[in-house]
Amino acid sequence: MVTGDFKNKVDRIWEVFWTGGVTNPLSVIEQITYLLFIKGLDEADQKREKESLVLGLKHDSIFPQDKPHLRWSVFKDLAAEKMYKVVADEVFPFIKGLHGDKESAYAKYMSDAIFIIPTPQMLEKVVTGLSALPMDDRDSKGDLYEYLLSKLSQSGTNGQFRTPRHIIKMIVELMKPTPEDIIADPAAGTAGFLVCAGEYLRDRHLDLFMDKELRDHFNNNMFHGFDMDRTMLRIGAMNMMLHGVDNPNIAYRDSLSEQNTDTSKYTLVMTNPPFKGSLDYEAVSADLLRVTRTKKTELLFLSLFLRILKTGGRCASIVPDGVLFGSSKAHRAIRKEIIENHKLEAVISMPSGVFKPYAGVSTAIIIFTKTGAGGTDKVWFYDMKADGFSLDDKRNPIEDNDIPDIINRFNNLDAEQDRQRTEQSFFVPKNEIVANEYDLSINKYKVIEQEEIEYAPPKEIIDLLIVLEEEIKVGLLELGEMINE
């Protein structure tokens, strides 16, 4: 976590951009991303050089021998005017030209980078500020980027790109990624789900890094994220790299279109796909429409998850409440497909304030396993009332928090069998859901206990009012006498 002096240094860098006229938070993060790419490229090259020296091997540097000033460690000490000229005219073109260099995982995300820092003085301040940050280990680099991304959530319209981190963390802990998983987020944004999955594996399966095959899988083949916003791709890729994933598969892709040919490829999908989008049928992959013919993106993504998962693969997706109870043919079709032909495991309803201040829509988490042969016998429902933050636009921390209870109960479902419909979580048998046209809204099944309130007899209430009226009358008389005095 970024605190104290580290936080103050980052805030000062952020302030340099804002006072210098770069006020779009996405642009600020993007420019910082470029510079961190450049800094990281130099650090990685120096590390390989030292390793080669120890092993007695020849080191082929990624930097030209006749241009040492392209290195961060060199140009950071140049005068402002000279530094600006070097970075703008030489470093950026050099980095973008490395796109085909397989040794540089950084370069492929820099091919269309645009340098927009307006003045030499601003660049010097930013470079000096970044150089002063202690980022010697993965944790500090990851914390830095998490803090930068948190500023998206504080800046209005850009907050839509960021699912609250505590919600992401809850979903990851519910799904329990394993070292063998192949994890995908078809609407990756800043790659929050993938980053959190990587952190979970580092915390719970540290031994995977002792196994060369599993370590290579973690760094090269485990994580897959797709998005249609190139800024998000760069930010997401950097987020992954700064959290210790060497070569994340972060790529530009319209996940719902014909260009996405992934089929039975992943073992785990965790995502928060776009809500309330509408596409023309021509823009959607035909096989997705065969499952549910609709233009609604929230339904098409569910169809996509079923296609891209391997048999036995699991999915946890945030969906708008309308997906759970919508009465259209398309809504019922996708719910029926998941319930009848696969295994629907859980529906966790979340309060409408979770995504405030950017959206007040009520949402839920739907968890299922792709089987192709059914398997749904009963579905676990949980009615989340609090997530640890106030449900207004301010989202201040509060004590009420159902998330630990949700994780604990989902990991001990055997103990949930006898829970009553009046409680916060309970099971509903499949046949009851089918009888309700596959409706998955918790209110359809939850029983609200009405407490009977006993009132005093009418005569007793009238007598009490008469006494109160006399007391008021006496009080008014006393007040009048005080005023006359």
Protein backbone atom coordinates (compact mmCIF):
# COMPACT_ATOMS: atom_id res chain seq x y z
CA MET A 1 0.00 0.00 0.00
CA VAL A 2 1.23 3.48 -0.89
CA THR A 3 1.53 5.56 2.27
CA GLY A 4 3.53 8.39 3.81
CA ASP A 5 6.51 9.76 1.95
CA PHE A 6 6.01 7.47 -1.07
CA LYS A 7 2.43 8.70 -1.51
CA ASN A 8 3.50 12.31 -1.20
CA LYS A 9 6.14 11.84 -3.91
CA VAL A 10 3.60 10.29 -6.28
CA ASP A 11 1.12 13.09 -5.56
CA ARG A 12 3.79 15.65 -6.38
CA ILE A 13 4.43 13.97 -9.76
CA TRP A 14 0.70 13.99 -10.43
CA GLU A 15 0.54 17.66 -9.48
CA VAL A 16 3.34 18.48 -11.95
CA PHE A 17 1.14 17.19 -14.78
CA TRP A 18 -1.98 19.00 -13.61
CA THR A 19 -0.31 22.35 -13.05
CA GLY A 20 1.41 21.93 -16.42
CA GLY A 21 -1.90 21.57 -18.25
CA VAL A 22 -2.18 17.78 -18.62
CA THR A 23 -5.40 17.32 -16.64
CA ASN A 24 -6.99 14.20 -18.12
CA PRO A 25 -6.12 11.46 -15.60
CA LEU A 26 -5.93 8.83 -18.35
CA SER A 27 -3.38 10.98 -20.20
CA VAL A 28 -1.36 11.44 -17.00
CA ILE A 29 -1.28 7.70 -16.32
CA GLU A 30 -0.47 7.00 -19.96
CA GLN A 31 2.52 9.37 -19.97
CA ILE A 32 3.76 7.95 -16.67
CA THR A 33 3.31 4.48 -18.19
CA TYR A 34 5.55 5.38 -21.13
CA LEU A 35 8.24 6.70 -18.85
CA LEU A 36 8.04 3.67 -16.58
CA PHE A 37 8.35 1.47 -19.68
CA ILE A 38 11.51 3.32 -20.65
CA LYS A 39 12.89 3.18 -17.11
CA GLY A 40 12.06 -0.52 -16.82
CA LEU A 41 13.69 -1.32 -20.15
CA ASP A 42 16.98 0.17 -18.97
CA GLU A 43 16.76 -1.64 -15.61
CA ALA A 44 15.99 -4.98 -17.28
CA ASP A 45 18.90 -4.57 -19.70
CA GLN A 46 21.30 -3.75 -16.85
CA LYS A 47 20.08 -6.79 -14.94
CA ARG A 48 20.67 -9.08 -17.94
CA GLU A 49 24.13 -7.54 -18.37
CA LYS A 50 25.05 -8.37 -14.76
CA GLU A 51 23.70 -11.91 -15.09
CA SER A 52 25.70 -12.45 -18.29
CA LEU A 53 28.82 -11.17 -16.56
CA VAL A 54 28.38 -13.64 -13.72
CA LEU A 55 27.77 -16.52 -16.13
CA GLY A 56 30.63 -15.48 -18.37
CA LEU A 57 28.32 -14.98 -21.35
CA LYS A 58 28.26 -12.26 -23.98
CA HIS A 59 25.56 -9.66 -23.40
CA ASP A 60 23.85 -8.19 -26.43
CA SER A 61 22.40 -4.95 -25.15
CA ILE A 62 19.12 -3.71 -26.52
CA PHE A 63 20.62 -0.21 -26.58
CA PRO A 64 23.06 0.84 -29.34
CA GLN A 65 26.61 1.10 -28.03
CA ASP A 66 27.06 4.49 -29.66
CA LYS A 67 23.92 5.93 -28.03
CA PRO A 68 24.18 5.44 -24.27
CA HIS A 69 22.07 8.58 -23.76
CA LEU A 70 18.98 6.56 -24.73
CA ARG A 71 19.15 4.88 -21.34
CA TRP A 72 17.07 6.29 -18.49
CA SER A 73 20.07 6.08 -16.19
CA VAL A 74 21.93 8.48 -18.50
CA PHE A 75 19.37 10.97 -19.79
CA LYS A 76 17.82 11.51 -16.34
CA ASP A 77 20.90 13.54 -15.42
CA LEU A 78 20.89 15.75 -18.52
CA ALA A 79 19.85 19.40 -18.47
CA ALA A 80 16.14 19.96 -19.06
CA GLU A 81 16.38 21.18 -22.68
CA LYS A 82 18.80 18.40 -23.67
CA MET A 83 16.74 15.74 -21.86
CA TYR A 84 13.57 16.84 -23.63
CA LYS A 85 15.20 16.70 -27.05
CA VAL A 86 16.67 13.25 -26.37
CA VAL A 87 13.41 11.76 -25.06
CA ALA A 88 11.12 13.31 -27.70
CA ASP A 89 13.38 12.92 -30.75
CA GLU A 90 15.36 9.77 -29.97
CA VAL A 91 14.08 7.68 -27.05
CA PHE A 92 10.45 7.49 -28.16
CA PRO A 93 11.23 6.61 -31.81
CA PHE A 94 13.80 4.06 -30.56
CA ILE A 95 11.31 2.38 -28.22
CA LYS A 96 8.57 2.31 -30.86
CA GLY A 97 11.02 0.78 -33.31
CA LEU A 98 11.64 -2.14 -30.99
CA HIS A 99 8.16 -3.54 -31.67
CA GLY A 100 9.51 -6.65 -33.38
CA ASP A 101 12.18 -7.34 -30.78
CA LYS A 102 11.15 -10.54 -29.01
CA GLU A 103 13.41 -9.75 -26.08
CA SER A 104 11.33 -6.72 -25.21
CA ALA A 105 7.97 -7.51 -23.71
CA TYR A 106 7.63 -3.76 -23.15
CA ALA A 107 8.00 -2.69 -26.77
CA LYS A 108 4.84 -4.16 -28.34
CA TYR A 109 2.68 -1.90 -26.18
CA MET A 110 4.61 1.21 -27.21
CA SER A 111 4.16 1.04 -31.00
CA ASP A 112 1.62 3.88 -31.12
CA ALA A 113 2.78 5.82 -28.09
CA ILE A 114 2.44 9.61 -28.33
CA PHE A 115 4.62 11.89 -26.24
CA ILE A 116 2.53 14.85 -25.02
CA ILE A 117 4.54 16.30 -22.15
CA PRO A 118 4.61 19.95 -23.29
CA THR A 119 7.79 21.45 -21.80
CA PRO A 120 11.36 20.48 -20.88
CA GLN A 121 10.82 21.74 -17.34
CA MET A 122 7.82 19.46 -16.82
CA LEU A 123 9.67 16.44 -18.20
CA GLU A 124 12.65 17.11 -15.96
CA LYS A 125 10.43 17.31 -12.87
CA VAL A 126 8.57 14.11 -13.75
CA VAL A 127 11.75 12.15 -14.56
CA THR A 128 13.39 13.38 -11.35
CA GLY A 129 10.28 12.46 -9.38
CA LEU A 130 10.07 8.95 -10.84
CA SER A 131 13.79 8.39 -10.31
CA ALA A 132 13.36 9.27 -6.63
CA LEU A 133 10.66 6.65 -6.06
CA PRO A 134 11.95 3.50 -4.32
CA MET A 135 10.81 0.79 -6.72
CA ASP A 136 13.40 -1.91 -6.17
CA ASP A 137 10.91 -4.76 -5.75
CA ARG A 138 7.71 -6.02 -7.36
CA ASP A 139 5.51 -5.00 -4.46
CA SER A 140 6.50 -1.35 -4.52
CA LYS A 141 6.09 -1.17 -8.31
CA GLY A 142 2.68 -2.80 -8.08
CA ASP A 143 1.61 -0.52 -5.25
CA LEU A 144 2.66 2.52 -7.26
CA TYR A 145 0.52 1.50 -10.20
CA GLU A 146 -2.45 0.58 -8.05
CA TYR A 147 -2.29 4.03 -6.50
CA LEU A 148 -2.13 5.69 -9.92
CA LEU A 149 -5.11 3.65 -11.10
CA SER A 150 -7.07 4.56 -7.99
CA LYS A 151 -6.97 8.14 -9.23
CA LEU A 152 -9.19 7.08 -12.14
CA SER A 153 -11.90 6.32 -9.60
CA GLN A 154 -11.57 9.82 -8.16
CA SER A 155 -11.82 11.65 -11.45
CA GLY A 156 -15.35 11.34 -12.77
CA THR A 157 -16.09 9.75 -16.12
CA ASN A 158 -12.96 7.60 -16.18
CA GLY A 159 -14.09 5.64 -13.14
CA GLN A 160 -16.01 3.28 -15.41
CA PHE A 161 -12.73 1.61 -16.32
CA ARG A 162 -12.14 0.42 -12.79
CA THR A 163 -14.01 -2.25 -10.89
CA PRO A 164 -13.58 -1.60 -7.14
CA ARG A 165 -10.50 -3.49 -6.00
CA HIS A 166 -12.19 -5.04 -2.96
CA ILE A 167 -14.87 -6.52 -5.26
CA ILE A 168 -12.19 -7.92 -7.58
CA LYS A 169 -10.34 -9.38 -4.60
CA MET A 170 -13.54 -11.00 -3.32
CA ILE A 171 -14.22 -12.63 -6.70
CA VAL A 172 -10.65 -13.94 -6.94
CA GLU A 173 -10.89 -15.41 -3.43
CA LEU A 174 -14.18 -17.05 -4.35
CA MET A 175 -12.71 -18.62 -7.50
CA LYS A 176 -9.33 -19.63 -6.00
CA PRO A 177 -7.06 -19.62 -9.09
CA THR A 178 -4.58 -22.50 -9.30
CA PRO A 179 -1.04 -22.56 -10.75
CA GLU A 180 -2.34 -24.62 -13.71
CA ASP A 181 -5.17 -22.26 -14.64
CA ILE A 182 -5.34 -20.33 -17.91
CA ILE A 183 -7.11 -17.13 -16.93
CA ALA A 184 -8.94 -14.72 -19.23
CA ASP A 185 -10.70 -11.39 -18.96
CA PRO A 186 -12.35 -10.54 -22.31
CA ALA A 187 -13.05 -6.98 -21.11
CA ALA A 188 -9.82 -6.42 -19.24
CA GLY A 189 -9.61 -2.63 -18.89
CA THR A 190 -6.68 -1.98 -16.54
CA ALA A 191 -6.29 -5.77 -15.97
CA GLY A 192 -7.44 -5.63 -12.35
CA PHE A 193 -8.78 -9.19 -12.28
CA LEU A 194 -5.60 -10.61 -13.83
CA VAL A 195 -3.35 -8.65 -11.49
CA CYS A 196 -5.32 -9.76 -8.43
CA ALA A 197 -5.23 -13.38 -9.60
CA GLY A 198 -1.45 -13.14 -9.92
CA GLU A 199 -1.16 -11.69 -6.42
CA TYR A 200 -3.41 -14.45 -5.05
CA LEU A 201 -1.14 -17.11 -6.58
CA ARG A 202 1.98 -15.46 -5.18
CA ASP A 203 0.43 -15.42 -1.71
CA ARG A 204 -1.11 -18.91 -1.76
CA HIS A 205 1.10 -20.88 -4.17
CA LEU A 206 4.59 -19.46 -3.79
CA ASP A 207 6.02 -22.91 -4.56
CA LEU A 208 4.92 -22.53 -8.20
CA PHE A 209 7.98 -20.32 -8.76
CA MET A 210 10.22 -23.23 -7.74
CA ASP A 211 8.90 -25.25 -10.69
CA LYS A 212 10.33 -24.07 -14.03
CA GLU A 213 7.35 -25.24 -16.06
CA LEU A 214 4.80 -23.58 -13.79
CA ARG A 215 6.93 -20.42 -13.52
CA ASP A 216 7.11 -20.17 -17.32
CA HIS A 217 3.36 -20.75 -17.51
CA PHE A 218 2.76 -17.94 -14.99
CA ASN A 219 4.94 -15.47 -16.88
CA ASN A 220 3.93 -16.31 -20.44
CA ASN A 221 0.71 -18.29 -20.86
CA MET A 222 -1.48 -17.96 -17.78
CA PHE A 223 -2.94 -14.45 -18.19
CA HIS A 224 -5.00 -13.25 -21.15
CA GLY A 225 -6.73 -9.87 -21.34
CA PHE A 226 -8.49 -8.18 -24.23
CA ASP A 227 -9.86 -4.69 -24.74
CA MET A 228 -10.76 -2.28 -27.54
CA ASP A 229 -9.16 0.77 -25.94
CA ARG A 230 -5.46 1.01 -26.71
CA THR A 231 -4.83 3.28 -23.73
CA MET A 232 -6.35 0.64 -21.49
CA LEU A 233 -4.17 -2.01 -23.14
CA ARG A 234 -1.00 -0.09 -22.35
CA ILE A 235 -2.10 0.64 -18.80
CA GLY A 236 -3.25 -2.95 -18.29
CA ALA A 237 -0.01 -4.39 -19.68
CA MET A 238 2.09 -2.14 -17.48
CA ASN A 239 -0.05 -3.03 -14.48
CA MET A 240 0.66 -6.72 -15.10
CA MET A 241 4.38 -6.23 -15.64
CA LEU A 242 4.82 -4.10 -12.54
CA HIS A 243 3.07 -6.87 -10.61
CA GLY A 244 5.69 -9.35 -11.75
CA VAL A 245 4.22 -11.00 -14.88
CA ASP A 246 6.95 -10.88 -17.51
CA ASN A 247 4.91 -11.35 -20.68
CA PRO A 248 1.16 -10.93 -20.19
CA ASN A 249 -1.06 -11.65 -23.18
CA ILE A 250 -2.75 -8.26 -23.31
CA ALA A 251 -4.09 -7.60 -26.80
CA TYR A 252 -6.43 -5.43 -28.85
CA ARG A 253 -9.57 -7.39 -29.61
CA ASP A 254 -13.30 -6.96 -30.00
CA SER A 255 -14.17 -10.01 -27.93
CA LEU A 256 -17.70 -10.34 -29.34
CA SER A 257 -16.77 -10.13 -33.01
CA GLU A 258 -15.80 -12.77 -35.57
CA GLN A 259 -12.14 -11.81 -35.08
CA ASN A 260 -12.24 -13.55 -31.70
CA THR A 261 -11.94 -17.24 -32.59
CA ASP A 262 -11.07 -18.51 -29.09
CA THR A 263 -12.90 -21.74 -28.34
CA SER A 264 -12.42 -24.05 -25.33
CA LYS A 265 -9.16 -22.27 -24.47
CA TYR A 266 -9.38 -21.02 -20.87
CA THR A 267 -10.00 -22.66 -17.51
CA LEU A 268 -11.04 -19.53 -15.61
CA VAL A 269 -12.83 -16.33 -16.64
CA MET A 270 -13.20 -13.43 -14.19
CA THR A 271 -14.56 -10.22 -15.58
CA ASN A 272 -16.82 -7.18 -15.45
CA PRO A 273 -17.99 -6.79 -19.06
CA PRO A 274 -19.70 -3.67 -20.43
CA PHE A 275 -23.33 -3.10 -19.37
CA LYS A 276 -26.12 -1.68 -21.49
CA GLY A 277 -24.19 -1.88 -24.75
CA SER A 278 -26.03 -2.63 -27.98
CA LEU A 279 -24.45 -4.04 -31.12
CA ASP A 280 -25.68 -4.70 -34.64
CA TYR A 281 -26.09 -8.39 -35.39
CA GLU A 282 -23.52 -8.05 -38.19
CA ALA A 283 -20.89 -7.00 -35.65
CA VAL A 284 -21.37 -10.08 -33.48
CA SER A 285 -19.87 -13.53 -33.95
CA ALA A 286 -22.56 -15.80 -35.41
CA ASP A 287 -21.99 -18.65 -32.94
CA LEU A 288 -22.76 -16.31 -30.02
CA LEU A 289 -26.09 -15.38 -31.58
CA ARG A 290 -27.02 -19.04 -31.89
CA VAL A 291 -27.04 -19.31 -28.10
CA THR A 292 -29.02 -16.10 -27.55
CA ARG A 293 -30.07 -13.85 -30.42
CA THR A 294 -29.70 -10.40 -28.93
CA LYS A 295 -27.94 -7.09 -29.39
CA LYS A 296 -27.33 -6.68 -25.65
CA THR A 297 -23.64 -6.96 -24.74
CA GLU A 298 -24.29 -8.22 -21.20
CA LEU A 299 -26.04 -11.30 -22.64
CA LEU A 300 -23.61 -11.83 -25.50
CA PHE A 301 -20.66 -11.89 -23.10
CA LEU A 302 -22.26 -14.75 -21.14
CA SER A 303 -22.59 -16.64 -24.40
CA LEU A 304 -18.93 -15.85 -25.14
CA PHE A 305 -17.77 -17.21 -21.78
CA LEU A 306 -19.44 -20.55 -22.51
CA ARG A 307 -17.58 -20.75 -25.82
CA ILE A 308 -14.10 -19.75 -24.70
CA LEU A 309 -14.04 -21.88 -21.53
CA LYS A 310 -12.72 -25.41 -21.59
CA THR A 311 -15.07 -28.09 -20.32
CA GLY A 312 -14.73 -27.91 -16.55
CA GLY A 313 -13.72 -24.26 -16.78
CA ARG A 314 -15.21 -21.78 -14.31
CA CYS A 315 -16.59 -18.29 -14.68
CA ALA A 316 -17.36 -15.44 -12.29
CA SER A 317 -18.84 -12.41 -14.00
CA ILE A 318 -20.43 -9.22 -12.75
CA VAL A 319 -23.79 -8.69 -14.46
CA PRO A 320 -26.51 -6.02 -14.21
CA ASP A 321 -29.58 -7.21 -12.33
CA GLY A 322 -31.61 -7.21 -15.52
CA VAL A 323 -29.71 -10.29 -16.68
CA LEU A 324 -31.14 -12.20 -13.71
CA PHE A 325 -34.83 -11.47 -14.26
CA GLY A 326 -35.23 -9.97 -17.75
CA SER A 327 -38.31 -11.44 -19.41
CA SER A 328 -37.25 -11.20 -23.06
CA LYS A 329 -36.68 -14.37 -25.07
CA ALA A 330 -32.92 -13.64 -25.16
CA HIS A 331 -32.70 -13.16 -21.37
CA ARG A 332 -34.49 -16.44 -20.69
CA ALA A 333 -32.46 -18.27 -23.34
CA ILE A 334 -29.05 -17.50 -21.82
CA ARG A 335 -30.23 -18.30 -18.28
CA LYS A 336 -31.73 -21.57 -19.49
CA GLU A 337 -28.54 -22.45 -21.35
CA ILE A 338 -26.39 -21.99 -18.25
CA ILE A 339 -28.81 -23.77 -15.91
CA GLU A 340 -29.80 -26.70 -18.13
CA ASN A 341 -26.58 -27.40 -20.05
CA HIS A 342 -23.96 -26.32 -17.53
CA LYS A 343 -23.69 -25.92 -13.75
CA LEU A 344 -24.87 -22.67 -12.23
CA GLU A 345 -23.39 -22.50 -8.75
CA ALA A 346 -24.08 -19.10 -7.21
CA VAL A 347 -25.74 -15.72 -7.61
CA ILE A 348 -24.48 -13.00 -5.27
CA SER A 349 -26.63 -9.87 -5.38
CA MET A 350 -24.76 -6.64 -4.66
CA PRO A 351 -26.24 -3.32 -3.49
CA SER A 352 -26.74 -0.59 -6.07
CA GLY A 353 -24.12 1.69 -4.52
CA VAL A 354 -21.12 -0.56 -5.24
CA PHE A 355 -20.23 1.31 -8.44
CA LYS A 356 -21.08 4.81 -7.23
CA PRO A 357 -20.46 7.62 -7.94
CA TYR A 358 -20.23 6.55 -11.61
CA ALA A 359 -23.21 4.21 -11.83
CA GLY A 360 -26.09 3.41 -9.54
CA VAL A 361 -27.14 0.22 -11.32
CA SER A 362 -27.81 -2.84 -9.18
CA THR A 363 -25.47 -5.70 -10.02
CA ALA A 364 -24.78 -9.31 -9.14
CA ILE A 365 -22.01 -11.85 -9.47
CA ILE A 366 -22.92 -15.00 -11.35
CA ILE A 367 -20.69 -18.07 -10.90
CA PHE A 368 -20.92 -21.16 -13.08
CA THR A 369 -18.93 -24.09 -14.49
CA LYS A 370 -18.98 -25.12 -18.14
CA THR A 371 -19.92 -28.80 -18.33
CA GLY A 372 -21.84 -29.22 -21.59
CA ALA A 373 -23.87 -31.87 -19.78
CA GLY A 374 -25.84 -29.99 -17.14
CA GLY A 375 -25.18 -30.40 -13.44
CA THR A 376 -27.25 -27.65 -11.85
CA ASP A 377 -29.23 -29.17 -8.99
CA LYS A 378 -29.48 -26.18 -6.67
CA VAL A 379 -28.18 -22.61 -6.73
CA TRP A 380 -26.69 -20.68 -3.80
CA PHE A 381 -27.99 -17.14 -3.35
CA TYR A 382 -26.48 -14.43 -1.18
CA ASP A 383 -27.99 -11.01 -0.51
CA MET A 384 -25.04 -8.66 0.04
CA LYS A 385 -26.17 -5.60 1.96
CA ALA A 386 -22.80 -3.94 2.69
CA ASP A 387 -19.32 -4.08 1.14
CA GLY A 388 -17.35 -2.10 3.73
CA PHE A 389 -18.09 1.31 2.21
CA SER A 390 -21.02 3.70 2.38
CA LEU A 391 -23.40 3.25 -0.54
CA ASP A 392 -23.59 6.95 -1.39
CA ASP A 393 -21.43 8.91 -3.81
CA LYS A 394 -18.71 9.44 -1.18
CA ARG A 395 -18.10 5.70 -0.57
CA ASN A 396 -16.48 6.25 2.80
CA PRO A 397 -15.21 3.19 4.74
CA ILE A 398 -17.71 1.73 7.23
CA GLU A 399 -17.70 -1.24 9.59
CA ASP A 400 -20.55 -3.19 7.95
CA ASN A 401 -19.05 -5.60 5.44
CA ASP A 402 -20.54 -8.86 4.15
CA ILE A 403 -17.54 -9.80 2.00
CA PRO A 404 -15.73 -11.97 4.61
CA ASP A 405 -19.01 -13.77 5.29
CA ILE A 406 -19.62 -14.36 1.58
CA ILE A 407 -16.16 -15.89 1.09
CA ASN A 408 -16.46 -18.03 4.20
CA ARG A 409 -19.93 -19.34 3.31
CA PHE A 410 -19.12 -20.01 -0.35
CA ASN A 411 -16.09 -22.03 0.73
CA ASN A 412 -18.28 -24.04 3.12
CA LEU A 413 -21.46 -24.64 1.12
CA ASP A 414 -22.23 -27.91 2.93
CA ALA A 415 -23.05 -25.84 6.00
CA GLU A 416 -25.54 -23.79 3.96
CA GLN A 417 -27.93 -26.67 3.23
CA ASP A 418 -30.38 -25.93 6.05
CA ARG A 419 -30.38 -22.14 5.82
CA GLN A 420 -33.86 -20.62 5.69
CA ARG A 421 -35.14 -18.26 2.98
CA THR A 422 -35.40 -15.56 5.64
CA GLU A 423 -31.61 -15.52 6.06
CA GLN A 424 -29.01 -13.68 4.01
CA SER A 425 -27.91 -16.78 2.09
CA PHE A 426 -29.73 -19.96 1.09
CA PHE A 427 -30.08 -22.61 -1.60
CA VAL A 428 -32.87 -22.77 -4.17
CA PRO A 429 -33.51 -26.08 -6.00
CA LYS A 430 -33.28 -26.10 -9.78
CA ASN A 431 -36.88 -27.22 -10.31
CA GLU A 432 -38.16 -24.13 -8.50
CA ILE A 433 -35.99 -21.87 -10.67
CA VAL A 434 -37.24 -23.62 -13.83
CA ALA A 435 -40.85 -23.19 -12.67
CA ASN A 436 -40.16 -19.44 -12.38
CA GLU A 437 -38.94 -19.24 -16.01
CA TYR A 438 -35.30 -19.35 -14.90
CA ASP A 439 -35.66 -16.15 -12.88
CA LEU A 440 -32.47 -15.63 -10.81
CA SER A 441 -33.39 -12.52 -8.83
CA ILE A 442 -32.98 -13.18 -5.12
CA ASN A 443 -36.22 -11.34 -4.32
CA LYS A 444 -38.11 -14.06 -6.15
CA TYR A 445 -37.08 -16.59 -3.52
CA LYS A 446 -36.23 -14.63 -0.39
CA VAL A 447 -38.84 -14.63 2.37
CA ILE A 448 -39.30 -11.37 4.25
CA GLU A 449 -40.43 -11.82 7.84
CA GLN A 450 -43.12 -9.35 8.80
CA GLU A 451 -42.95 -8.35 12.45
CA GLU A 452 -46.34 -7.85 14.06
CA ILE A 453 -46.52 -4.58 15.96
CA GLU A 454 -49.00 -4.27 18.82
CA TYR A 455 -50.50 -0.85 19.46
CA ALA A 456 -52.32 0.36 22.60
CA PRO A 457 -56.14 0.40 22.51
CA PRO A 458 -57.63 3.57 20.92
CA LYS A 459 -59.10 4.88 24.21
CA GLU A 460 -55.69 4.58 25.89
CA ILE A 461 -54.05 6.52 23.02
CA ILE A 462 -56.75 9.27 23.24
CA ASP A 463 -56.29 9.59 27.02
CA LEU A 464 -52.52 9.94 26.48
CA LEU A 465 -53.05 12.68 23.87
CA ILE A 466 -55.34 14.58 26.28
CA VAL A 467 -52.63 14.48 28.99
CA LEU A 468 -50.01 15.67 26.49
CA GLU A 469 -52.26 18.48 25.32
CA GLU A 470 -52.76 19.67 28.91
CA GLU A 471 -48.97 19.64 29.44
CA ILE A 472 -48.47 21.69 26.26
CA LYS A 473 -51.17 24.17 27.36
CA VAL A 474 -49.51 24.67 30.78
CA GLY A 475 -46.14 25.15 29.12
CA LEU A 476 -47.52 27.79 26.74
CA LEU A 477 -49.11 29.72 29.62
CA GLU A 478 -45.81 29.71 31.53
CA LEU A 479 -43.97 30.89 28.40
CA GLY A 480 -46.49 33.73 27.92
CA GLU A 481 -46.04 34.93 31.52
CA MET A 482 -42.23 34.95 31.03
CA ILE A 483 -42.57 37.12 27.93
CA ASN A 484 -44.95 39.58 29.69
CA GLU A 485 -42.44 40.02 32.51
